[in-house]
Amino acid sequence: MTAAIRARGLGRRFGGVDAVADLDLDVPAGSIYGFLGPNGAGKTTTIRLLLGLLRPTTGEAEVLGHDVRTGAPAVREAVGVLLETDGLYHRLTARQNLDFYGRVARVPATDRARRIRALLEHIDLWDRRDEPVADFSFGMRKKLALARAFLHRPTLLFLDEPTSGLDTPTAVGLRQELLRLARDEGVTVFLTTHNLLEAEKLCDRVAVIRKGRRIAEGAPASIRARSRRSLEVTGAGFAPELVATVVGMPGVAGVRRENGRLRIELAEGGETAPIVRALVVGGAEVAEARVAGASLEETFLALLEESDESETGA
């Protein structure tokens, strides 16, 4: 499959600090690719490198076939972008903003007018089209900024926290639109988000970055598979001595209480039937027992913890 984004050994150093280090990326065309990491991990710096807004200290990258060192203007013409700021002119109206950006992108006048109306209607701002953006709420400005990114029908979208600050119906609508763009129009989406449930629902692949370095990459299911399965037991009568017995059983990696239930982490090859039997024999009232895989959020936190331990040599 053709790569919309390709990077090898990409790095950017500020002073003596590596904001991004030795980063390899292969983002398939037409996919939704999640780029995950805590604050300060290097996500926004990576996007700026891929847009040619920052020059790499090391390595190389291509976006839609353009080298980011020599072809940055061509990259920026071809993509749609939403970074941490909305990029809007607040003294202009919603329609004037989109018209200005449409002219910059050389969208023909007739198509531009149709496109602006369609986008503003889609995001429920057509009735506010002639009001200055300064009078808009944060959520309204965010929606308009997203419309600006979509305006010239780019084949690649860079979206930095696109649903942050949006109300639930608008966020759901945006996710559906991103899925449609990828599925029906072959648009590639490079998405940073702190909402890991969102990433799990949307993304074909995700990368986890920490302190500028990629620590995991793959389909969400394959990332989750790195974490242990768990046995979730709902009921009553989980006395401390009974919990201690379960902790010492073969195949049990750990036990914790969560809102009146037990979450029992299973070691590789751990069997659930002996654990449930031990709870019942020990006097617990087991209402339900089910095996669950780790969520992407739990795996993400575990990966960060493992990265910390490897750094400290723990």
Protein backbone atom coordinates (compact mmCIF):
# COMPACT_ATOMS: atom_id res chain seq x y z
CA MET A 1 0.00 0.00 0.00
CA THR A 2 1.27 3.49 -0.88
CA ALA A 3 2.53 5.52 2.07
CA ALA A 4 1.09 9.03 2.42
CA ILE A 5 3.74 9.76 5.06
CA ARG A 6 7.14 8.13 5.34
CA ALA A 7 9.87 9.06 7.85
CA ARG A 8 13.20 7.47 8.70
CA GLY A 9 15.29 8.49 11.67
CA LEU A 10 13.47 11.83 11.88
CA GLY A 11 14.66 14.05 14.72
CA ARG A 12 14.59 17.60 15.98
CA ARG A 13 16.81 18.93 18.73
CA PHE A 14 16.31 22.19 20.63
CA GLY A 15 19.51 23.05 22.43
CA GLY A 16 20.52 19.83 24.12
CA VAL A 17 17.01 18.35 24.20
CA ASP A 18 15.61 15.92 21.63
CA ALA A 19 11.99 16.95 21.06
CA VAL A 20 11.75 14.17 18.45
CA ALA A 21 14.38 11.43 18.09
CA ASP A 22 14.99 8.64 15.58
CA LEU A 23 11.33 8.50 14.49
CA ASP A 24 10.24 6.04 11.80
CA LEU A 25 6.76 6.36 10.30
CA ASP A 26 4.82 4.64 7.53
CA VAL A 27 1.27 5.98 7.23
CA PRO A 28 -0.74 4.15 4.52
CA ALA A 29 -2.76 6.30 2.13
CA GLY A 30 -6.47 6.31 2.96
CA SER A 31 -5.94 5.32 6.60
CA ILE A 32 -6.66 7.06 9.88
CA TYR A 33 -3.44 7.06 11.85
CA GLY A 34 -3.44 7.93 15.55
CA PHE A 35 -0.39 9.61 17.07
CA LEU A 36 -0.66 9.25 20.83
CA GLY A 37 1.41 10.49 23.73
CA PRO A 38 1.31 12.57 26.91
CA ASN A 39 1.74 16.34 26.89
CA GLY A 40 5.23 17.29 25.78
CA ALA A 41 5.85 13.95 24.05
CA GLY A 42 6.69 15.56 20.71
CA LYS A 43 3.40 15.13 18.83
CA THR A 44 2.99 18.73 17.65
CA THR A 45 6.71 19.02 16.88
CA THR A 46 6.40 15.94 14.65
CA ILE A 47 3.50 17.50 12.74
CA ARG A 48 5.50 20.71 12.27
CA LEU A 49 8.42 18.68 10.93
CA LEU A 50 6.15 16.85 8.50
CA LEU A 51 4.70 20.17 7.30
CA GLY A 52 8.14 21.65 6.77
CA LEU A 53 7.50 24.34 9.38
CA LEU A 54 10.54 23.05 11.29
CA ARG A 55 13.71 21.75 9.69
CA PRO A 56 14.79 18.28 10.89
CA THR A 57 18.03 18.02 12.81
CA THR A 58 18.40 14.41 11.66
CA GLY A 59 16.71 11.97 9.33
CA GLU A 60 14.33 12.40 6.43
CA ALA A 61 10.61 12.43 5.69
CA GLU A 62 8.29 12.49 2.68
CA VAL A 63 4.67 13.63 2.68
CA LEU A 64 2.59 12.77 -0.38
CA GLY A 65 5.86 12.15 -2.21
CA HIS A 66 7.38 15.54 -1.34
CA ASP A 67 10.59 15.76 0.67
CA VAL A 68 9.87 17.94 3.70
CA ARG A 69 13.26 19.66 3.42
CA THR A 70 13.02 20.66 -0.24
CA GLY A 71 9.30 20.48 -0.99
CA ALA A 72 7.67 22.03 2.08
CA PRO A 73 5.52 24.54 0.07
CA ALA A 74 4.13 21.69 -2.04
CA VAL A 75 3.33 19.72 1.13
CA ARG A 76 1.44 22.63 2.68
CA GLU A 77 -0.54 23.24 -0.52
CA ALA A 78 -1.65 19.62 -0.69
CA VAL A 79 -2.74 19.01 2.91
CA GLY A 80 -5.37 20.29 5.32
CA VAL A 81 -4.18 21.30 8.78
CA LEU A 82 -5.67 22.01 12.20
CA LEU A 83 -3.06 22.69 14.86
CA GLU A 84 -3.46 23.99 18.41
CA THR A 85 -4.61 27.44 17.19
CA ASP A 86 -7.67 27.86 14.98
CA GLY A 87 -5.91 29.97 12.31
CA LEU A 88 -9.01 32.15 11.87
CA TYR A 89 -9.26 35.91 11.46
CA HIS A 90 -11.61 36.87 14.24
CA ARG A 91 -12.62 40.24 12.75
CA LEU A 92 -13.85 38.51 9.59
CA THR A 93 -17.12 36.63 9.33
CA ALA A 94 -17.31 32.86 8.99
CA ARG A 95 -17.97 33.12 5.26
CA GLN A 96 -15.20 35.67 4.74
CA ASN A 97 -12.72 33.42 6.52
CA LEU A 98 -13.51 30.44 4.32
CA ASP A 99 -13.56 32.58 1.19
CA PHE A 100 -10.12 33.96 2.02
CA TYR A 101 -8.63 30.52 2.61
CA GLY A 102 -10.35 29.22 -0.53
CA ARG A 103 -8.67 31.96 -2.56
CA VAL A 104 -5.30 31.13 -0.99
CA ALA A 105 -5.82 27.49 -1.99
CA ARG A 106 -6.85 28.61 -5.52
CA VAL A 107 -10.29 27.00 -5.32
CA PRO A 108 -12.28 28.29 -8.36
CA ALA A 109 -14.85 30.95 -7.44
CA THR A 110 -17.98 28.98 -8.38
CA ASP A 111 -16.82 25.81 -6.65
CA ARG A 112 -15.64 27.89 -3.68
CA ALA A 113 -19.09 29.41 -3.08
CA ARG A 114 -20.78 25.99 -3.27
CA ARG A 115 -18.18 24.39 -1.05
CA ILE A 116 -18.41 27.14 1.59
CA ARG A 117 -22.17 26.86 1.78
CA ALA A 118 -22.07 23.06 1.99
CA LEU A 119 -19.48 23.12 4.79
CA LEU A 120 -21.22 25.82 6.82
CA GLU A 121 -24.54 24.00 6.53
CA HIS A 122 -22.86 20.75 7.53
CA ILE A 123 -21.46 22.27 10.73
CA ASP A 124 -24.68 24.21 11.50
CA LEU A 125 -23.11 27.64 10.98
CA TRP A 126 -24.82 28.74 7.76
CA ASP A 127 -27.27 30.93 9.70
CA ARG A 128 -24.28 32.60 11.41
CA ARG A 129 -22.26 32.96 8.21
CA ASP A 130 -22.15 36.77 8.24
CA GLU A 131 -21.30 37.22 11.91
CA PRO A 132 -17.72 38.03 12.99
CA VAL A 133 -15.83 35.04 14.34
CA ALA A 134 -14.97 37.10 17.43
CA ASP A 135 -18.59 36.58 18.55
CA PHE A 136 -18.37 32.79 18.22
CA SER A 137 -17.98 30.37 21.11
CA PHE A 138 -14.87 28.18 21.34
CA GLY A 139 -16.77 25.21 19.94
CA MET A 140 -18.09 27.22 16.99
CA ARG A 141 -14.60 28.47 16.15
CA LYS A 142 -13.28 24.91 16.36
CA LYS A 143 -15.92 23.71 13.90
CA LEU A 144 -15.12 26.57 11.53
CA ALA A 145 -11.40 25.78 11.74
CA LEU A 146 -12.16 22.18 10.79
CA ALA A 147 -14.21 23.40 7.83
CA ARG A 148 -11.19 25.52 6.81
CA ALA A 149 -8.99 22.40 6.89
CA PHE A 150 -11.48 20.47 4.68
CA LEU A 151 -12.20 23.36 2.30
CA HIS A 152 -9.89 22.54 -0.63
CA ARG A 153 -10.57 18.79 -0.50
CA PRO A 154 -7.08 17.73 0.62
CA THR A 155 -5.97 14.12 0.32
CA LEU A 156 -4.21 14.30 3.70
CA LEU A 157 -5.42 15.91 6.93
CA PHE A 158 -3.24 16.75 9.93
CA LEU A 159 -5.57 17.16 12.92
CA ASP A 160 -4.20 18.05 16.35
CA GLU A 161 -6.82 17.28 19.03
CA PRO A 162 -9.75 17.99 16.65
CA THR A 163 -12.57 17.10 19.06
CA SER A 164 -11.12 18.85 22.11
CA GLY A 165 -13.68 21.36 23.42
CA LEU A 166 -16.51 20.15 21.18
CA ASP A 167 -19.87 19.09 22.57
CA THR A 168 -20.69 15.39 22.28
CA PRO A 169 -23.02 15.54 19.23
CA THR A 170 -20.51 17.65 17.29
CA ALA A 171 -17.60 15.38 18.25
CA VAL A 172 -19.56 12.28 17.19
CA GLY A 173 -20.46 13.96 13.90
CA LEU A 174 -16.81 14.83 13.25
CA ARG A 175 -15.70 11.24 13.89
CA GLN A 176 -18.30 9.97 11.45
CA GLU A 177 -17.13 12.49 8.85
CA LEU A 178 -13.50 11.41 9.25
CA LEU A 179 -14.49 7.77 8.80
CA ARG A 180 -16.46 8.70 5.68
CA LEU A 181 -13.58 10.71 4.22
CA ALA A 182 -11.17 7.81 4.70
CA ARG A 183 -13.59 5.11 3.52
CA ASP A 184 -15.31 6.87 0.59
CA GLU A 185 -12.78 9.46 -0.59
CA GLY A 186 -9.46 7.83 0.32
CA VAL A 187 -8.40 10.76 2.50
CA THR A 188 -5.54 10.04 4.91
CA VAL A 189 -5.95 11.40 8.44
CA PHE A 190 -3.00 11.92 10.80
CA LEU A 191 -4.63 12.44 14.17
CA THR A 192 -3.31 13.38 17.58
CA THR A 193 -5.70 12.94 20.48
CA HIS A 194 -5.78 12.46 24.23
CA ASN A 195 -9.10 10.64 23.86
CA LEU A 196 -7.95 7.03 23.63
CA LEU A 197 -11.48 5.69 23.22
CA GLU A 198 -11.73 7.96 20.18
CA ALA A 199 -8.46 6.59 18.83
CA GLU A 200 -9.63 3.03 19.38
CA LYS A 201 -12.86 3.66 17.45
CA LEU A 202 -11.34 5.65 14.60
CA CYS A 203 -7.79 4.55 13.89
CA ASP A 204 -6.53 1.82 11.61
CA ARG A 205 -3.10 2.12 13.24
CA VAL A 206 -1.67 4.04 16.17
CA ALA A 207 1.80 5.02 17.32
CA VAL A 208 2.64 5.82 20.95
CA ILE A 209 5.34 8.43 21.44
CA ARG A 210 7.07 9.42 24.65
CA LYS A 211 9.85 11.99 25.09
CA GLY A 212 10.14 12.23 21.32
CA ARG A 213 10.62 8.49 20.76
CA ARG A 214 8.16 5.96 19.41
CA ILE A 215 7.61 3.19 21.96
CA ALA A 216 4.85 1.22 20.19
CA GLU A 217 3.11 1.07 16.82
CA GLY A 218 0.42 -1.07 15.23
CA ALA A 219 -3.30 -1.69 14.94
CA PRO A 220 -5.17 -0.84 18.18
CA ALA A 221 -5.98 -4.52 18.70
CA SER A 222 -2.32 -5.52 18.39
CA ILE A 223 -1.29 -2.78 20.83
CA ARG A 224 -3.93 -3.95 23.33
CA ALA A 225 -2.71 -7.53 22.96
CA ARG A 226 0.56 -6.52 24.63
CA SER A 227 -1.27 -6.16 27.95
CA ARG A 228 -2.52 -8.99 30.13
CA ARG A 229 -6.04 -10.32 30.09
CA SER A 230 -8.04 -9.83 33.24
CA LEU A 231 -10.87 -11.63 35.01
CA GLU A 232 -13.54 -9.22 36.26
CA VAL A 233 -15.66 -10.66 39.07
CA THR A 234 -18.82 -8.92 40.31
CA GLY A 235 -20.46 -9.96 43.58
CA ALA A 236 -20.00 -9.73 47.34
CA GLY A 237 -18.07 -11.31 50.17
CA PHE A 238 -14.57 -10.60 48.86
CA ALA A 239 -12.95 -10.76 52.30
CA PRO A 240 -9.29 -9.63 52.58
CA GLU A 241 -8.09 -13.14 53.42
CA LEU A 242 -9.92 -14.55 50.36
CA VAL A 243 -8.36 -11.90 48.12
CA ALA A 244 -4.95 -12.81 49.57
CA THR A 245 -5.60 -16.45 48.66
CA VAL A 246 -6.41 -15.48 45.06
CA VAL A 247 -3.26 -13.35 44.84
CA GLY A 248 -1.16 -16.41 45.66
CA MET A 249 -2.78 -18.68 43.08
CA PRO A 250 -0.92 -19.88 39.94
CA GLY A 251 -1.73 -17.81 36.87
CA VAL A 252 -2.62 -14.67 38.86
CA ALA A 253 -0.43 -11.62 38.23
CA GLY A 254 -2.30 -9.20 40.47
CA VAL A 255 -5.65 -8.34 42.06
CA ARG A 256 -7.33 -5.01 42.74
CA ARG A 257 -10.74 -3.88 43.88
CA GLU A 258 -12.74 -1.55 41.62
CA ASN A 259 -16.19 -0.30 42.65
CA GLY A 260 -17.26 -3.43 44.49
CA ARG A 261 -15.69 -5.90 42.05
CA LEU A 262 -12.43 -7.72 41.70
CA ARG A 263 -10.18 -7.21 38.70
CA ILE A 264 -7.77 -10.13 38.56
CA GLU A 265 -4.87 -9.77 36.14
CA LEU A 266 -4.01 -13.07 34.50
CA ALA A 267 -0.47 -14.17 33.77
CA GLU A 268 0.21 -15.81 30.44
CA GLY A 269 -1.61 -19.14 30.35
CA GLY A 270 -3.61 -18.31 33.48
CA GLU A 271 -6.89 -20.23 33.79
CA THR A 272 -10.07 -18.64 35.11
CA ALA A 273 -12.07 -21.67 36.33
CA PRO A 274 -9.84 -22.43 39.36
CA ILE A 275 -9.98 -18.78 40.40
CA VAL A 276 -13.77 -18.60 40.29
CA ARG A 277 -14.02 -21.94 42.12
CA ALA A 278 -11.68 -20.68 44.86
CA LEU A 279 -13.80 -17.54 45.33
CA VAL A 280 -17.03 -19.55 45.65
CA VAL A 281 -15.49 -22.14 48.01
CA GLY A 282 -14.09 -19.28 50.08
CA GLY A 283 -17.57 -17.87 50.66
CA ALA A 284 -17.83 -15.16 48.00
CA GLU A 285 -21.13 -14.58 46.19
CA VAL A 286 -20.15 -14.45 42.52
CA ALA A 287 -22.81 -12.75 40.41
CA GLU A 288 -20.79 -12.51 37.21
CA ALA A 289 -17.31 -13.39 36.00
CA ARG A 290 -15.97 -12.39 32.62
CA VAL A 291 -12.62 -12.27 30.90
CA ALA A 292 -11.68 -8.92 29.39
CA GLY A 293 -8.76 -7.70 27.37
CA ALA A 294 -7.03 -4.49 28.33
CA SER A 295 -8.41 -1.29 26.82
CA LEU A 296 -6.17 0.90 24.67
CA GLU A 297 -6.09 3.39 27.55
CA GLU A 298 -4.84 0.77 30.01
CA THR A 299 -2.25 -0.45 27.53
CA PHE A 300 -1.14 3.12 26.83
CA LEU A 301 -0.55 3.74 30.54
CA ALA A 302 1.28 0.43 30.87
CA LEU A 303 3.55 1.33 27.95
CA LEU A 304 4.42 4.67 29.54
CA GLU A 305 5.16 2.92 32.83
CA GLU A 306 7.37 0.35 31.10
CA SER A 307 9.22 3.17 29.33
CA ASP A 308 9.82 4.92 32.65
CA GLU A 309 11.15 1.69 34.20
CA SER A 310 13.49 1.02 31.28
CA GLU A 311 14.94 4.53 31.62
CA THR A 312 15.55 4.17 35.34
CA GLY A 313 16.78 0.59 35.02
CA ALA A 314 14.09 -0.63 37.43
